Amino acid sequence: MIKLQDLCAFLEEFAPPCLAEDWDNIGLLVGDPQRAIQRVMTCLTITPASADEAVEEGAHVIVAHHPLPFRPLQRLTTETTAGRLLLRLIGAGVAIYSPHTAFDSALGGINQQWAEALELQDIQPLAAVPDMPGAGTGRYGQLTPARPLASVIQRLKQFLGLEGLHVVGPADRRIRRVGVACGAAGQLLGPAIRAGCDALVTGETNFHTCLEAEARGVALLLPGHFASERFAVETLARQIEQALEELAVWPSRREADPLRWQ
């Protein structure tokens, strides 16, 4: 019999809480650690669609990349979206665990997976954690040989299954060193520049960061927040099932990117 605390222990080993950003809210957010569990759903974000799926499919736990709740709640009512979702899941006995930025930065986390998918060599964190070599915020590495930006774009689209993405920089720019940072990580443009990156791949950022990248001669590839992280919760479902074989684990089949290309 597997208990919720066993799943939590695996997730804490895989994505150690010490790697999370100070502002984050990670770990077991809802649930009884002693409860026996059998069915687990992973998702990027708890939405009405993914919450309905968890309840209807009999999930005992949702492992959601984005925390719910994220910020402290003064009241829990149906007057807010977060309140409605939490009350529905609590009422159905569904626990919630979020690894969030610990998963981003882990040795085998989202940014490491992204860097490997882009075929980078000599991969290192953009901001390392002193007591955990190889872990830390973001990643950067070398393309050998250097490639035109258009080639990097094509590889990224292929990996994420995208038809398009936003790009800053000319298609023929030669790219030797690439930084990656999932989600909304425009603040890592500075560290990427200091690491000598010719390009930074992140999910999304603001207009002024795009202008700064253009002025500094650094390409930006922006596939969207959802696409930059969703693939990893699919991988995580397989990793949980392999580690805890008694569990039935699946990535949400109903969640989708709220933004779409027209």
Foldseek 3Di string as FASTA:
>chain_A
DDFQLNLQVVLCVQQPPVQDDPLWDFFWDDADRGHDFAEEAEEADDAPFLLVVCLVVVHQEYAYQHDQVTDDDPDQDPPDRSNVSVVSCVVSNYIYGHSHSSQQFGLPHLQVVVCVLLVFPPKAALDDDVVDGNTHAWIKGFDVVWDFQLVSLVSLCVVLVHPDWDKQDDRRDTWTMEIEGEAEPLVCPVSCVVVVGQEYEYADYDPVSSVVCNVVNHMYTHRHRCSSPGVRSQVVQVVSCVVVVSHHYGYDPGDDDPDDDD
